[in-house]
Every structure is written in structure tokens, then in C-alpha cells.
Amino acid sequence: MHKGLAIYPGSFDPPTNGHLDLIERGAKIFEELVVAILRNPEKTPMFSVGERLGMLRELTAGLKHVRIATFDGLMVEYAKSLGATCILRGIRAISDYEYELQMALMNRKLEPTLETVFMMPADKYSYISSRLVREVAQAGGPVKGLVPEVVEQKLREKIVLPKREPRYVEVSDRTGFAGKKLDPKGTKRKKKA
């Protein structure tokens, strides 16, 4: 275990299984890990800071080296105020790396004693992002396996989808059904006598 305090900053809107994977693994590496929720007044989150704080506290209750907090302003200033020596960041893809590298270099410029450690999530979480989870949930899709159960429940409570009438598709091709309305579940063909 590395001595010292690390910060894992993010919006966590909502917390995903990928976030939880990094928190659990980070807790094994660092003496103390502060999961720091950014309060950004310029964004309109799905979940309030209080809701995200509550979910993360519940999810990390069994991890004794993990603390959940909130911050605003420059993350390096917050890190200095805590005496942190390291920032933990997750990288899922090359596009994440490019952004995170820029941030790490800027953080180093602002505070040379603050290191950044990049961790890749487990393969099964490598494609999950909070944005994608929100989009799938808002479209009425399943998020089971993408987020912890408590978050899945909170998403269901937050998103109330209207009942949809079955959609019918107008077909215009050479199948002989052109101009007819088809049930999206398929068409029933008449049996020949």
C-alpha cells in the first residue's frame, strides 16, 4: 500500500460499476482515498450533489480507507488543502487518455508535487460512462450491470417514462408490403388453404 492520500475526482452522475471498480482498487493502493464529487454550477446534473454523495457513501460503506467529499473550484487547490499527494483517474480509451494527459500536465504545472495515477477499469466496464448510462436510462433501456443496484433503483425513481403506444412502420420496398402498416413485432402471413 502506498502511503499518503489520493483523490479520485469526478462528477459521478450517476456512479457506475466502472467508478466502483476504480474506487475498490484504489482503496487497496492508497492509505486513504477521497472520492471527490465536483460541484459544477454550470452543469445541470441528473442527480443533485446530495443524491450522489448519498449513493457513493452507501456504495463505499464497507471500504474503511475511502472517504466521500465534495469540492468546487480548482481540484489542485482542493488536493493541497487535504494534503493529497496523488490524483487517481480512470482511462477507458485513447480519447480519455488524450484529455486526461492534458489535465495531468496542467495539474503538474499548477502543483508540481501532485502526481497523477491512471488506472484502466476492468474489461467488462471499459465502455461504461455516466453519460451513456443516463442516455440509456432516459430512453427506457436496461442499465442492469452498468451501475450498482442502488443506483439502478435511483435511476428508475428519477426517470418516469410515459407509456408508449406501439409504433407502426410504413414500408416501401419490393416485398409486397409497400404502403401497408406493419406491426413492429412482425407480420402475420395468411395460411394457404
C-alpha atoms as a PDB file:
ATOM      1  CA  MET A   1       0.000   0.000   0.000  1.00  0.00           C
ATOM      2  CA  HIS A   2       1.269   3.473  -0.928  1.00  0.00           C
ATOM      3  CA  LYS A   3       1.436   5.858   1.986  1.00  0.00           C
ATOM      4  CA  GLY A   4      -0.441   9.060   1.522  1.00  0.00           C
ATOM      5  CA  LEU A   5      -3.778  10.385   0.452  1.00  0.00           C
ATOM      6  CA  ALA A   6      -5.141  10.223  -3.093  1.00  0.00           C
ATOM      7  CA  ILE A   7      -8.131  11.976  -4.621  1.00  0.00           C
ATOM      8  CA  TYR A   8     -10.435  10.411  -7.189  1.00  0.00           C
ATOM      9  CA  PRO A   9     -12.327  13.434  -8.571  1.00  0.00           C
ATOM     10  CA  GLY A  10     -15.336  13.354 -10.865  1.00  0.00           C
ATOM     11  CA  SER A  11     -18.981  14.213 -11.345  1.00  0.00           C
ATOM     12  CA  PHE A  12     -20.243  10.643 -10.668  1.00  0.00           C
ATOM     13  CA  ASP A  13     -23.609  11.485 -12.259  1.00  0.00           C
ATOM     14  CA  PRO A  14     -24.518   8.696 -11.705  1.00  0.00           C
ATOM     15  CA  PRO A  15     -21.901   6.447 -10.092  1.00  0.00           C
ATOM     16  CA  THR A  16     -21.250   3.444 -12.347  1.00  0.00           C
ATOM     17  CA  ASN A  17     -19.752  -0.008 -11.862  1.00  0.00           C
ATOM     18  CA  GLY A  18     -16.635   1.366 -13.564  1.00  0.00           C
ATOM     19  CA  HIS A  19     -16.330   4.060 -10.875  1.00  0.00           C
ATOM     20  CA  LEU A  20     -16.857   1.498  -8.133  1.00  0.00           C
ATOM     21  CA  ASP A  21     -14.203  -0.776  -9.666  1.00  0.00           C
ATOM     22  CA  LEU A  22     -11.622   2.042  -9.543  1.00  0.00           C
ATOM     23  CA  ILE A  23     -12.639   3.060  -6.011  1.00  0.00           C
ATOM     24  CA  GLU A  24     -12.242  -0.512  -4.710  1.00  0.00           C
ATOM     25  CA  ARG A  25      -8.893  -0.979  -6.433  1.00  0.00           C
ATOM     26  CA  GLY A  26      -7.665   2.487  -5.450  1.00  0.00           C
ATOM     27  CA  ALA A  27      -8.522   1.756  -1.823  1.00  0.00           C
ATOM     28  CA  LYS A  28      -6.079  -1.174  -1.949  1.00  0.00           C
ATOM     29  CA  ILE A  29      -3.268   1.002  -3.318  1.00  0.00           C
ATOM     30  CA  PHE A  30      -3.513   4.156  -1.218  1.00  0.00           C
ATOM     31  CA  GLU A  31      -3.544   4.661   2.531  1.00  0.00           C
ATOM     32  CA  GLU A  32      -6.617   6.885   2.109  1.00  0.00           C
ATOM     33  CA  LEU A  33      -8.760   7.598  -0.950  1.00  0.00           C
ATOM     34  CA  VAL A  34     -11.042  10.619  -1.125  1.00  0.00           C
ATOM     35  CA  VAL A  35     -13.750  10.272  -3.758  1.00  0.00           C
ATOM     36  CA  ALA A  36     -14.369  13.944  -4.530  1.00  0.00           C
ATOM     37  CA  ILE A  37     -17.599  14.984  -6.259  1.00  0.00           C
ATOM     38  CA  LEU A  38     -17.194  18.165  -8.269  1.00  0.00           C
ATOM     39  CA  ARG A  39     -19.897  20.768  -7.641  1.00  0.00           C
ATOM     40  CA  ASN A  40     -20.186  22.462 -11.024  1.00  0.00           C
ATOM     41  CA  PRO A  41     -22.843  25.207 -11.114  1.00  0.00           C
ATOM     42  CA  GLU A  42     -22.518  25.451 -14.916  1.00  0.00           C
ATOM     43  CA  LYS A  43     -23.903  21.937 -15.460  1.00  0.00           C
ATOM     44  CA  THR A  44     -27.379  20.594 -14.824  1.00  0.00           C
ATOM     45  CA  PRO A  45     -26.807  17.120 -13.380  1.00  0.00           C
ATOM     46  CA  MET A  46     -29.372  14.336 -13.292  1.00  0.00           C
ATOM     47  CA  PHE A  47     -28.682  13.781  -9.594  1.00  0.00           C
ATOM     48  CA  SER A  48     -28.056  16.527  -7.054  1.00  0.00           C
ATOM     49  CA  VAL A  49     -24.731  16.642  -5.228  1.00  0.00           C
ATOM     50  CA  GLY A  50     -26.552  15.375  -2.126  1.00  0.00           C
ATOM     51  CA  GLU A  51     -28.007  12.390  -4.019  1.00  0.00           C
ATOM     52  CA  ARG A  52     -24.608  11.468  -5.484  1.00  0.00           C
ATOM     53  CA  LEU A  53     -22.985  11.875  -2.079  1.00  0.00           C
ATOM     54  CA  GLY A  54     -25.572   9.535  -0.534  1.00  0.00           C
ATOM     55  CA  MET A  55     -25.210   6.891  -3.250  1.00  0.00           C
ATOM     56  CA  LEU A  56     -21.407   6.895  -3.052  1.00  0.00           C
ATOM     57  CA  ARG A  57     -21.451   6.724   0.745  1.00  0.00           C
ATOM     58  CA  GLU A  58     -23.765   3.727   0.585  1.00  0.00           C
ATOM     59  CA  LEU A  59     -21.654   2.028  -2.098  1.00  0.00           C
ATOM     60  CA  THR A  60     -18.374   2.520  -0.215  1.00  0.00           C
ATOM     61  CA  ALA A  61     -19.634   1.905   3.339  1.00  0.00           C
ATOM     62  CA  GLY A  62     -17.558  -1.284   3.602  1.00  0.00           C
ATOM     63  CA  LEU A  63     -14.318   0.346   2.444  1.00  0.00           C
ATOM     64  CA  LYS A  64     -12.559   1.689   5.527  1.00  0.00           C
ATOM     65  CA  HIS A  65      -9.887   3.698   3.653  1.00  0.00           C
ATOM     66  CA  VAL A  66     -12.413   5.584   1.486  1.00  0.00           C
ATOM     67  CA  ARG A  67     -13.991   8.950   2.252  1.00  0.00           C
ATOM     68  CA  ILE A  68     -16.612  10.734   0.128  1.00  0.00           C
ATOM     69  CA  ALA A  69     -16.489  14.539  -0.177  1.00  0.00           C
ATOM     70  CA  THR A  70     -17.469  17.403  -2.463  1.00  0.00           C
ATOM     71  CA  PHE A  71     -15.457  20.302  -3.840  1.00  0.00           C
ATOM     72  CA  ASP A  72     -15.656  23.205  -6.226  1.00  0.00           C
ATOM     73  CA  GLY A  73     -13.034  25.335  -7.895  1.00  0.00           C
ATOM     74  CA  LEU A  74      -9.602  24.047  -8.854  1.00  0.00           C
ATOM     75  CA  MET A  75      -9.035  20.421  -7.960  1.00  0.00           C
ATOM     76  CA  VAL A  76      -5.316  21.061  -7.252  1.00  0.00           C
ATOM     77  CA  GLU A  77      -6.268  23.668  -4.625  1.00  0.00           C
ATOM     78  CA  TYR A  78      -8.641  21.172  -3.022  1.00  0.00           C
ATOM     79  CA  ALA A  79      -5.926  18.487  -3.133  1.00  0.00           C
ATOM     80  CA  LYS A  80      -3.436  20.824  -1.451  1.00  0.00           C
ATOM     81  CA  SER A  81      -5.974  21.676   1.263  1.00  0.00           C
ATOM     82  CA  LEU A  82      -6.251  17.959   2.102  1.00  0.00           C
ATOM     83  CA  GLY A  83      -2.536  17.242   1.846  1.00  0.00           C
ATOM     84  CA  ALA A  84      -3.098  14.839  -1.054  1.00  0.00           C
ATOM     85  CA  THR A  85      -0.083  13.569  -2.957  1.00  0.00           C
ATOM     86  CA  CYS A  86      -1.855  11.853  -5.830  1.00  0.00           C
ATOM     87  CA  ILE A  87      -4.833  12.095  -8.183  1.00  0.00           C
ATOM     88  CA  LEU A  88      -6.464   8.853  -9.349  1.00  0.00           C
ATOM     89  CA  ARG A  89      -8.029   8.927 -12.810  1.00  0.00           C
ATOM     90  CA  GLY A  90      -9.671   6.239 -14.906  1.00  0.00           C
ATOM     91  CA  ILE A  91      -8.927   5.752 -18.587  1.00  0.00           C
ATOM     92  CA  ARG A  92     -11.260   3.715 -20.792  1.00  0.00           C
ATOM     93  CA  ALA A  93      -9.979   4.573 -24.272  1.00  0.00           C
ATOM     94  CA  ILE A  94      -7.388   6.548 -26.215  1.00  0.00           C
ATOM     95  CA  SER A  95      -9.753   9.533 -26.289  1.00  0.00           C
ATOM     96  CA  ASP A  96      -9.814   9.517 -22.465  1.00  0.00           C
ATOM     97  CA  TYR A  97      -6.011   9.376 -22.397  1.00  0.00           C
ATOM     98  CA  GLU A  98      -5.601  12.473 -24.562  1.00  0.00           C
ATOM     99  CA  TYR A  99      -7.909  14.514 -22.324  1.00  0.00           C
ATOM    100  CA  GLU A 100      -6.516  13.104 -19.072  1.00  0.00           C
ATOM    101  CA  LEU A 101      -2.906  13.676 -20.176  1.00  0.00           C
ATOM    102  CA  GLN A 102      -3.662  17.358 -20.783  1.00  0.00           C
ATOM    103  CA  MET A 103      -5.297  17.629 -17.369  1.00  0.00           C
ATOM    104  CA  ALA A 104      -2.428  15.816 -15.640  1.00  0.00           C
ATOM    105  CA  LEU A 105       0.143  18.102 -17.255  1.00  0.00           C
ATOM    106  CA  MET A 106      -1.822  21.214 -16.277  1.00  0.00           C
ATOM    107  CA  ASN A 107      -2.207  19.904 -12.723  1.00  0.00           C
ATOM    108  CA  ARG A 108       1.535  19.261 -12.583  1.00  0.00           C
ATOM    109  CA  LYS A 109       2.188  22.808 -13.810  1.00  0.00           C
ATOM    110  CA  LEU A 110      -0.104  24.227 -11.103  1.00  0.00           C
ATOM    111  CA  GLU A 111       1.159  21.905  -8.356  1.00  0.00           C
ATOM    112  CA  PRO A 112       4.434  20.049  -9.141  1.00  0.00           C
ATOM    113  CA  THR A 113       4.219  17.834  -6.036  1.00  0.00           C
ATOM    114  CA  LEU A 114       0.862  16.337  -7.074  1.00  0.00           C
ATOM    115  CA  GLU A 115       1.181  13.132  -9.119  1.00  0.00           C
ATOM    116  CA  THR A 116      -1.485  11.561 -11.333  1.00  0.00           C
ATOM    117  CA  VAL A 117      -2.034   7.798 -11.469  1.00  0.00           C
ATOM    118  CA  PHE A 118      -4.042   6.407 -14.392  1.00  0.00           C
ATOM    119  CA  MET A 119      -5.945   3.153 -13.961  1.00  0.00           C
ATOM    120  CA  MET A 120      -7.874   1.197 -16.536  1.00  0.00           C
ATOM    121  CA  PRO A 121     -11.202  -0.239 -15.426  1.00  0.00           C
ATOM    122  CA  ALA A 122     -11.850  -3.968 -15.629  1.00  0.00           C
ATOM    123  CA  ASP A 123     -12.573  -5.039 -19.230  1.00  0.00           C
ATOM    124  CA  LYS A 124     -16.270  -5.538 -18.525  1.00  0.00           C
ATOM    125  CA  TYR A 125     -16.588  -1.863 -17.527  1.00  0.00           C
ATOM    126  CA  SER A 126     -14.301  -0.308 -20.148  1.00  0.00           C
ATOM    127  CA  TYR A 127     -17.150   1.086 -22.264  1.00  0.00           C
ATOM    128  CA  ILE A 128     -19.328   2.416 -19.428  1.00  0.00           C
ATOM    129  CA  SER A 129     -19.647   6.146 -18.830  1.00  0.00           C
ATOM    130  CA  SER A 130     -22.131   8.122 -16.751  1.00  0.00           C
ATOM    131  CA  ARG A 131     -23.283   9.906 -19.915  1.00  0.00           C
ATOM    132  CA  LEU A 132     -24.086   6.635 -21.682  1.00  0.00           C
ATOM    133  CA  VAL A 133     -25.870   5.277 -18.610  1.00  0.00           C
ATOM    134  CA  ARG A 134     -28.044   8.410 -18.435  1.00  0.00           C
ATOM    135  CA  GLU A 135     -28.859   8.189 -22.156  1.00  0.00           C
ATOM    136  CA  VAL A 136     -29.812   4.506 -21.976  1.00  0.00           C
ATOM    137  CA  ALA A 137     -31.920   5.068 -18.842  1.00  0.00           C
ATOM    138  CA  GLN A 138     -33.683   8.117 -20.313  1.00  0.00           C
ATOM    139  CA  ALA A 139     -34.541   6.117 -23.436  1.00  0.00           C
ATOM    140  CA  GLY A 140     -36.088   3.390 -21.267  1.00  0.00           C
ATOM    141  CA  GLY A 141     -33.286   0.880 -21.780  1.00  0.00           C
ATOM    142  CA  PRO A 142     -31.898  -1.505 -19.158  1.00  0.00           C
ATOM    143  CA  VAL A 143     -28.939  -0.362 -17.045  1.00  0.00           C
ATOM    144  CA  LYS A 144     -28.568  -3.584 -15.046  1.00  0.00           C
ATOM    145  CA  GLY A 145     -24.881  -4.496 -14.875  1.00  0.00           C
ATOM    146  CA  LEU A 146     -23.805  -0.952 -15.770  1.00  0.00           C
ATOM    147  CA  VAL A 147     -24.489   0.535 -12.344  1.00  0.00           C
ATOM    148  CA  PRO A 148     -24.813  -0.869  -8.823  1.00  0.00           C
ATOM    149  CA  GLU A 149     -28.354  -1.925  -7.813  1.00  0.00           C
ATOM    150  CA  VAL A 150     -28.890   1.107  -5.565  1.00  0.00           C
ATOM    151  CA  VAL A 151     -28.078   3.415  -8.491  1.00  0.00           C
ATOM    152  CA  GLU A 152     -30.325   1.419 -10.821  1.00  0.00           C
ATOM    153  CA  GLN A 153     -33.190   1.915  -8.358  1.00  0.00           C
ATOM    154  CA  LYS A 154     -32.483   5.656  -8.068  1.00  0.00           C
ATOM    155  CA  LEU A 155     -32.468   5.937 -11.873  1.00  0.00           C
ATOM    156  CA  ARG A 156     -35.879   4.215 -12.040  1.00  0.00           C
ATOM    157  CA  GLU A 157     -37.229   6.619  -9.431  1.00  0.00           C
ATOM    158  CA  LYS A 158     -35.761   9.644 -11.228  1.00  0.00           C
ATOM    159  CA  ILE A 159     -36.876   8.737 -14.752  1.00  0.00           C
ATOM    160  CA  VAL A 160     -40.571   8.162 -15.219  1.00  0.00           C
ATOM    161  CA  LEU A 161     -41.143   7.172 -18.812  1.00  0.00           C
ATOM    162  CA  PRO A 162     -44.564   7.667 -20.392  1.00  0.00           C
ATOM    163  CA  LYS A 163     -46.287   4.550 -21.695  1.00  0.00           C
ATOM    164  CA  ARG A 164     -45.750   4.295 -25.399  1.00  0.00           C
ATOM    165  CA  GLU A 165     -48.236   3.105 -27.940  1.00  0.00           C
ATOM    166  CA  PRO A 166     -46.887   0.533 -30.376  1.00  0.00           C
ATOM    167  CA  ARG A 167     -45.297   2.186 -33.370  1.00  0.00           C
ATOM    168  CA  TYR A 168     -46.170   1.172 -36.876  1.00  0.00           C
ATOM    169  CA  VAL A 169     -43.725   1.434 -39.716  1.00  0.00           C
ATOM    170  CA  GLU A 170     -44.623   2.448 -43.254  1.00  0.00           C
ATOM    171  CA  VAL A 171     -42.866   0.096 -45.663  1.00  0.00           C
ATOM    172  CA  SER A 172     -41.867   0.994 -49.174  1.00  0.00           C
ATOM    173  CA  ASP A 173     -39.838  -1.792 -50.692  1.00  0.00           C
ATOM    174  CA  ARG A 174     -40.260  -4.722 -53.051  1.00  0.00           C
ATOM    175  CA  THR A 175     -41.529  -7.259 -50.506  1.00  0.00           C
ATOM    176  CA  GLY A 176     -45.156  -6.886 -51.494  1.00  0.00           C
ATOM    177  CA  PHE A 177     -45.988  -4.994 -48.314  1.00  0.00           C
ATOM    178  CA  ALA A 178     -45.425  -1.496 -49.772  1.00  0.00           C
ATOM    179  CA  GLY A 179     -47.862   1.064 -48.442  1.00  0.00           C
ATOM    180  CA  LYS A 180     -49.173  -1.242 -45.688  1.00  0.00           C
ATOM    181  CA  LYS A 181     -48.715  -0.591 -41.981  1.00  0.00           C
ATOM    182  CA  LEU A 182     -46.758  -3.317 -40.281  1.00  0.00           C
ATOM    183  CA  ASP A 183     -46.725  -4.247 -36.645  1.00  0.00           C
ATOM    184  CA  PRO A 184     -43.087  -3.759 -35.459  1.00  0.00           C
ATOM    185  CA  LYS A 185     -43.175  -7.232 -33.901  1.00  0.00           C
ATOM    186  CA  GLY A 186     -43.566  -8.757 -37.337  1.00  0.00           C
ATOM    187  CA  THR A 187     -46.276  -9.512 -39.814  1.00  0.00           C
ATOM    188  CA  LYS A 188     -48.618 -12.440 -39.866  1.00  0.00           C
ATOM    189  CA  ARG A 189     -48.967 -14.138 -43.182  1.00  0.00           C
ATOM    190  CA  LYS A 190     -52.189 -15.795 -44.239  1.00  0.00           C
ATOM    191  CA  LYS A 191     -52.006 -19.573 -44.374  1.00  0.00           C
ATOM    192  CA  LYS A 192     -52.655 -21.094 -47.778  1.00  0.00           C
ATOM    193  CA  ALA A 193     -55.553 -23.484 -47.891  1.00  0.00           C
END
